[in-house]
C-alpha atoms as a PDB file:
ATOM      1  CA  UNK A   1      -0.006   0.230   0.172  1.00  0.00           C
ATOM      2  CA  UNK A   2       2.553   2.291   0.517  1.00  0.00           C
ATOM      3  CA  UNK A   3       4.419   1.892  -2.608  1.00  0.00           C
ATOM      4  CA  UNK A   4       0.657   2.408  -4.179  1.00  0.00           C
ATOM      5  CA  UNK A   5       0.536   5.791  -2.243  1.00  0.00           C
ATOM      6  CA  UNK A   6       3.580   6.630  -2.876  1.00  0.00           C
ATOM      7  CA  UNK A   7       3.230   6.401  -6.946  1.00  0.00           C
ATOM      8  CA  UNK A   8       0.094   8.673  -6.431  1.00  0.00           C
ATOM      9  CA  UNK A   9      -2.851   6.114  -7.395  1.00  0.00           C
ATOM     10  CA  UNK A  10      -6.023   6.202  -5.876  1.00  0.00           C
ATOM     11  CA  UNK A  11      -7.722   4.775  -2.713  1.00  0.00           C
ATOM     12  CA  UNK A  12     -11.166   4.140  -2.023  1.00  0.00           C
ATOM     13  CA  UNK A  13     -12.658   2.712   1.323  1.00  0.00           C
ATOM     14  CA  UNK A  14     -16.147   1.243   1.302  1.00  0.00           C
ATOM     15  CA  UNK A  15     -17.083  -2.034  -0.795  1.00  0.00           C
ATOM     16  CA  UNK A  16     -15.263  -2.596  -3.890  1.00  0.00           C
ATOM     17  CA  UNK A  17     -16.963  -2.146  -7.059  1.00  0.00           C
ATOM     18  CA  UNK A  18     -16.707  -5.716  -8.892  1.00  0.00           C
ATOM     19  CA  UNK A  19     -13.510  -6.415 -10.915  1.00  0.00           C
ATOM     20  CA  UNK A  20     -12.871  -6.054 -14.609  1.00  0.00           C
ATOM     21  CA  UNK A  21     -12.509  -9.813 -15.906  1.00  0.00           C
ATOM     22  CA  UNK A  22      -8.838 -10.296 -16.898  1.00  0.00           C
ATOM     23  CA  UNK A  23      -6.825 -12.175 -19.456  1.00  0.00           C
ATOM     24  CA  UNK A  24      -4.077 -13.451 -17.193  1.00  0.00           C
ATOM     25  CA  UNK A  25      -3.584 -17.872 -17.991  1.00  0.00           C
ATOM     26  CA  UNK A  26      -2.149 -19.406 -14.638  1.00  0.00           C
ATOM     27  CA  UNK A  27      -1.039 -22.757 -14.802  1.00  0.00           C
ATOM     28  CA  UNK A  28       0.362 -24.847 -11.252  1.00  0.00           C
ATOM     29  CA  UNK A  29       3.679 -26.477 -12.486  1.00  0.00           C
ATOM     30  CA  UNK A  30       6.077 -23.779 -12.618  1.00  0.00           C
ATOM     31  CA  UNK A  31       7.754 -23.661  -9.314  1.00  0.00           C
ATOM     32  CA  UNK A  32       9.742 -26.472  -8.202  1.00  0.00           C
ATOM     33  CA  UNK A  33       8.610 -28.065  -4.876  1.00  0.00           C
ATOM     34  CA  UNK A  34      10.555 -30.619  -2.366  1.00  0.00           C
ATOM     35  CA  UNK A  35       8.808 -32.216   1.071  1.00  0.00           C
ATOM     36  CA  UNK A  36      10.583 -32.174   4.322  1.00  0.00           C
ATOM     37  CA  UNK A  37      13.466 -34.581   3.290  1.00  0.00           C
ATOM     38  CA  UNK A  38      14.423 -32.959   0.484  1.00  0.00           C
ATOM     39  CA  UNK A  39      14.319 -29.610   2.199  1.00  0.00           C
ATOM     40  CA  UNK A  40      17.167 -31.646   4.710  1.00  0.00           C
ATOM     41  CA  UNK A  41      18.813 -32.556   1.409  1.00  0.00           C
ATOM     42  CA  UNK A  42      19.061 -28.816   0.394  1.00  0.00           C
ATOM     43  CA  UNK A  43      20.207 -27.486   3.800  1.00  0.00           C
ATOM     44  CA  UNK A  44      22.842 -30.273   3.765  1.00  0.00           C
ATOM     45  CA  UNK A  45      24.545 -29.788   0.104  1.00  0.00           C
ATOM     46  CA  UNK A  46      23.383 -26.481  -0.982  1.00  0.00           C
ATOM     47  CA  UNK A  47      21.259 -23.806   0.262  1.00  0.00           C
ATOM     48  CA  UNK A  48      17.806 -23.534   2.344  1.00  0.00           C
ATOM     49  CA  UNK A  49      16.673 -19.876   2.912  1.00  0.00           C
ATOM     50  CA  UNK A  50      14.469 -19.073   5.733  1.00  0.00           C
ATOM     51  CA  UNK A  51      12.401 -16.387   5.153  1.00  0.00           C
ATOM     52  CA  UNK A  52      10.636 -16.035   8.284  1.00  0.00           C
ATOM     53  CA  UNK A  53      11.118 -13.255  10.797  1.00  0.00           C
ATOM     54  CA  UNK A  54      14.853 -13.815  12.516  1.00  0.00           C
ATOM     55  CA  UNK A  55      13.399 -14.156  15.707  1.00  0.00           C
ATOM     56  CA  UNK A  56      10.964 -17.066  14.410  1.00  0.00           C
ATOM     57  CA  UNK A  57      14.330 -18.279  12.687  1.00  0.00           C
ATOM     58  CA  UNK A  58      16.121 -18.125  16.122  1.00  0.00           C
ATOM     59  CA  UNK A  59      12.953 -19.424  18.298  1.00  0.00           C
ATOM     60  CA  UNK A  60      12.946 -16.406  20.130  1.00  0.00           C
ATOM     61  CA  UNK A  61       9.444 -16.330  19.030  1.00  0.00           C
ATOM     62  CA  UNK A  62       6.741 -19.168  17.750  1.00  0.00           C
ATOM     63  CA  UNK A  63       3.225 -17.579  17.606  1.00  0.00           C
ATOM     64  CA  UNK A  64       1.712 -21.087  15.153  1.00  0.00           C
ATOM     65  CA  UNK A  65       3.725 -24.231  15.182  1.00  0.00           C
ATOM     66  CA  UNK A  66       4.001 -26.586  17.707  1.00  0.00           C
ATOM     67  CA  UNK A  67       7.781 -26.117  18.260  1.00  0.00           C
ATOM     68  CA  UNK A  68       9.911 -23.095  17.842  1.00  0.00           C
ATOM     69  CA  UNK A  69      13.374 -23.039  16.036  1.00  0.00           C
ATOM     70  CA  UNK A  70      14.285 -23.849  12.097  1.00  0.00           C
ATOM     71  CA  UNK A  71      15.646 -26.509   9.910  1.00  0.00           C
ATOM     72  CA  UNK A  72      18.822 -27.524  10.659  1.00  0.00           C
ATOM     73  CA  UNK A  73      21.456 -25.914   7.992  1.00  0.00           C
ATOM     74  CA  UNK A  74      18.981 -23.563   7.211  1.00  0.00           C
ATOM     75  CA  UNK A  75      19.819 -19.854   6.641  1.00  0.00           C
ATOM     76  CA  UNK A  76      18.061 -16.613   8.362  1.00  0.00           C
ATOM     77  CA  UNK A  77      16.961 -14.833   4.986  1.00  0.00           C
ATOM     78  CA  UNK A  78      13.598 -12.528   6.280  1.00  0.00           C
ATOM     79  CA  UNK A  79      11.692 -11.626   3.517  1.00  0.00           C
ATOM     80  CA  UNK A  80      11.463  -8.011   4.651  1.00  0.00           C
ATOM     81  CA  UNK A  81      15.175  -7.966   2.967  1.00  0.00           C
ATOM     82  CA  UNK A  82      13.932  -8.099  -0.497  1.00  0.00           C
ATOM     83  CA  UNK A  83      12.122  -4.914  -0.387  1.00  0.00           C
ATOM     84  CA  UNK A  84      12.819  -1.577  -0.247  1.00  0.00           C
ATOM     85  CA  UNK A  85      10.979   1.518   2.093  1.00  0.00           C
ATOM     86  CA  UNK A  86       8.135   2.066  -0.254  1.00  0.00           C
ATOM     87  CA  UNK A  87       7.586  -1.946   0.070  1.00  0.00           C
ATOM     88  CA  UNK A  88       8.632  -2.709  -3.489  1.00  0.00           C
ATOM     89  CA  UNK A  89      11.013  -5.751  -4.494  1.00  0.00           C
ATOM     90  CA  UNK A  90      14.972  -4.057  -4.330  1.00  0.00           C
ATOM     91  CA  UNK A  91      16.272  -3.973  -7.969  1.00  0.00           C
ATOM     92  CA  UNK A  92      17.709  -7.426  -9.200  1.00  0.00           C
ATOM     93  CA  UNK A  93      21.209  -6.051  -8.088  1.00  0.00           C
ATOM     94  CA  UNK A  94      20.437  -5.575  -5.110  1.00  0.00           C
ATOM     95  CA  UNK A  95      18.758  -8.784  -4.714  1.00  0.00           C
ATOM     96  CA  UNK A  96      21.725 -10.572  -6.110  1.00  0.00           C
ATOM     97  CA  UNK A  97      24.147  -9.359  -3.759  1.00  0.00           C
ATOM     98  CA  UNK A  98      21.423  -9.976  -0.604  1.00  0.00           C
ATOM     99  CA  UNK A  99      21.269 -13.653  -1.965  1.00  0.00           C
ATOM    100  CA  UNK A 100      25.252 -13.754  -2.931  1.00  0.00           C
ATOM    101  CA  UNK A 101      25.784 -13.348   1.015  1.00  0.00           C
ATOM    102  CA  UNK A 102      24.093 -15.742   1.981  1.00  0.00           C
ATOM    103  CA  UNK A 103      25.813 -18.246  -0.384  1.00  0.00           C
ATOM    104  CA  UNK A 104      23.713 -18.165  -2.936  1.00  0.00           C
ATOM    105  CA  UNK A 105      24.680 -17.780  -6.771  1.00  0.00           C
ATOM    106  CA  UNK A 106      25.241 -19.474 -10.130  1.00  0.00           C
ATOM    107  CA  UNK A 107      25.432 -23.384  -9.876  1.00  0.00           C
ATOM    108  CA  UNK A 108      24.151 -23.348  -5.929  1.00  0.00           C
ATOM    109  CA  UNK A 109      21.616 -25.582  -5.168  1.00  0.00           C
ATOM    110  CA  UNK A 110      18.574 -23.305  -3.210  1.00  0.00           C
ATOM    111  CA  UNK A 111      15.358 -24.012  -1.688  1.00  0.00           C
ATOM    112  CA  UNK A 112      12.674 -21.632   0.247  1.00  0.00           C
ATOM    113  CA  UNK A 113      10.900 -21.978   3.044  1.00  0.00           C
ATOM    114  CA  UNK A 114       8.814 -20.156   5.799  1.00  0.00           C
ATOM    115  CA  UNK A 115       6.305 -20.718   8.509  1.00  0.00           C
ATOM    116  CA  UNK A 116       3.965 -22.647   5.878  1.00  0.00           C
ATOM    117  CA  UNK A 117       5.152 -21.726   2.492  1.00  0.00           C
ATOM    118  CA  UNK A 118       3.516 -18.157   1.825  1.00  0.00           C
ATOM    119  CA  UNK A 119       6.307 -16.072   2.573  1.00  0.00           C
ATOM    120  CA  UNK A 120       8.463 -18.645   1.045  1.00  0.00           C
ATOM    121  CA  UNK A 121       7.020 -17.445  -2.541  1.00  0.00           C
ATOM    122  CA  UNK A 122       7.509 -14.522  -1.857  1.00  0.00           C
ATOM    123  CA  UNK A 123      11.197 -15.290  -1.464  1.00  0.00           C
ATOM    124  CA  UNK A 124      11.297 -17.620  -4.614  1.00  0.00           C
ATOM    125  CA  UNK A 125      10.209 -14.706  -6.525  1.00  0.00           C
ATOM    126  CA  UNK A 126      12.930 -12.382  -5.055  1.00  0.00           C
ATOM    127  CA  UNK A 127      15.070 -15.060  -6.063  1.00  0.00           C
ATOM    128  CA  UNK A 128      13.830 -15.299  -9.901  1.00  0.00           C
ATOM    129  CA  UNK A 129      14.490 -11.448  -9.777  1.00  0.00           C
ATOM    130  CA  UNK A 130      18.057 -12.127  -9.075  1.00  0.00           C
ATOM    131  CA  UNK A 131      18.755 -14.617 -11.657  1.00  0.00           C
ATOM    132  CA  UNK A 132      18.284 -17.751  -9.414  1.00  0.00           C
ATOM    133  CA  UNK A 133      16.282 -20.959  -9.681  1.00  0.00           C
ATOM    134  CA  UNK A 134      14.680 -21.661  -6.336  1.00  0.00           C
ATOM    135  CA  UNK A 135      12.629 -24.590  -5.190  1.00  0.00           C
ATOM    136  CA  UNK A 136       9.914 -24.203  -2.849  1.00  0.00           C
ATOM    137  CA  UNK A 137       9.472 -26.272   0.695  1.00  0.00           C
ATOM    138  CA  UNK A 138       5.546 -25.864   0.285  1.00  0.00           C
ATOM    139  CA  UNK A 139       4.853 -27.559   3.951  1.00  0.00           C
ATOM    140  CA  UNK A 140       7.821 -25.162   5.783  1.00  0.00           C
ATOM    141  CA  UNK A 141       8.008 -25.001   8.936  1.00  0.00           C
ATOM    142  CA  UNK A 142       4.655 -26.138   9.832  1.00  0.00           C
ATOM    143  CA  UNK A 143       5.100 -29.449   8.309  1.00  0.00           C
ATOM    144  CA  UNK A 144       8.639 -29.523   9.553  1.00  0.00           C
ATOM    145  CA  UNK A 145       7.629 -28.867  12.866  1.00  0.00           C
ATOM    146  CA  UNK A 146       4.921 -31.096  13.551  1.00  0.00           C
ATOM    147  CA  UNK A 147       7.332 -34.484  12.894  1.00  0.00           C
ATOM    148  CA  UNK A 148       8.965 -34.839  16.178  1.00  0.00           C
ATOM    149  CA  UNK A 149      10.826 -37.328  14.450  1.00  0.00           C
ATOM    150  CA  UNK A 150      12.855 -34.036  12.679  1.00  0.00           C
ATOM    151  CA  UNK A 151      15.717 -32.296  14.733  1.00  0.00           C
ATOM    152  CA  UNK A 152      15.121 -28.897  15.235  1.00  0.00           C
ATOM    153  CA  UNK A 153      18.015 -25.808  15.377  1.00  0.00           C
ATOM    154  CA  UNK A 154      17.544 -23.244  17.608  1.00  0.00           C
ATOM    155  CA  UNK A 155      19.519 -19.781  18.160  1.00  0.00           C
ATOM    156  CA  UNK A 156      21.235 -17.827  15.060  1.00  0.00           C
ATOM    157  CA  UNK A 157      23.101 -20.267  13.519  1.00  0.00           C
ATOM    158  CA  UNK A 158      22.319 -22.949  11.039  1.00  0.00           C
END
């Protein structure tokens, strides 16, 4: 909304008018996905980025799931860091530098995770803008933390 207002676009209150039908053709299957085993493998051999707020990654706060922390080997990469002050995606060069600092670049397998897969999809788009080809751990932390057999890491280290 901040970017919308900054661009001087109109806002309204009350009941919205019915939207005009568009011509976008959406199709599933373009973003590769992994399950919990695949996420564990990515964390071990490539990079698994955790898009949640840092305090959820460290386990300091967990408002939703049965256990707090992160997938062992995952790196904290909060989605908010993909955006500028107006709430727009940073440019491709800035995003590329951000992900390079996390060890993500050409030839590096990278996956994204969050709480339930929604914020991770945002992170996947930021990676695409930076020229990377991510995979999505769709179940994310909710799936991982619900399985008592899965190990959990806490604190700032992967």
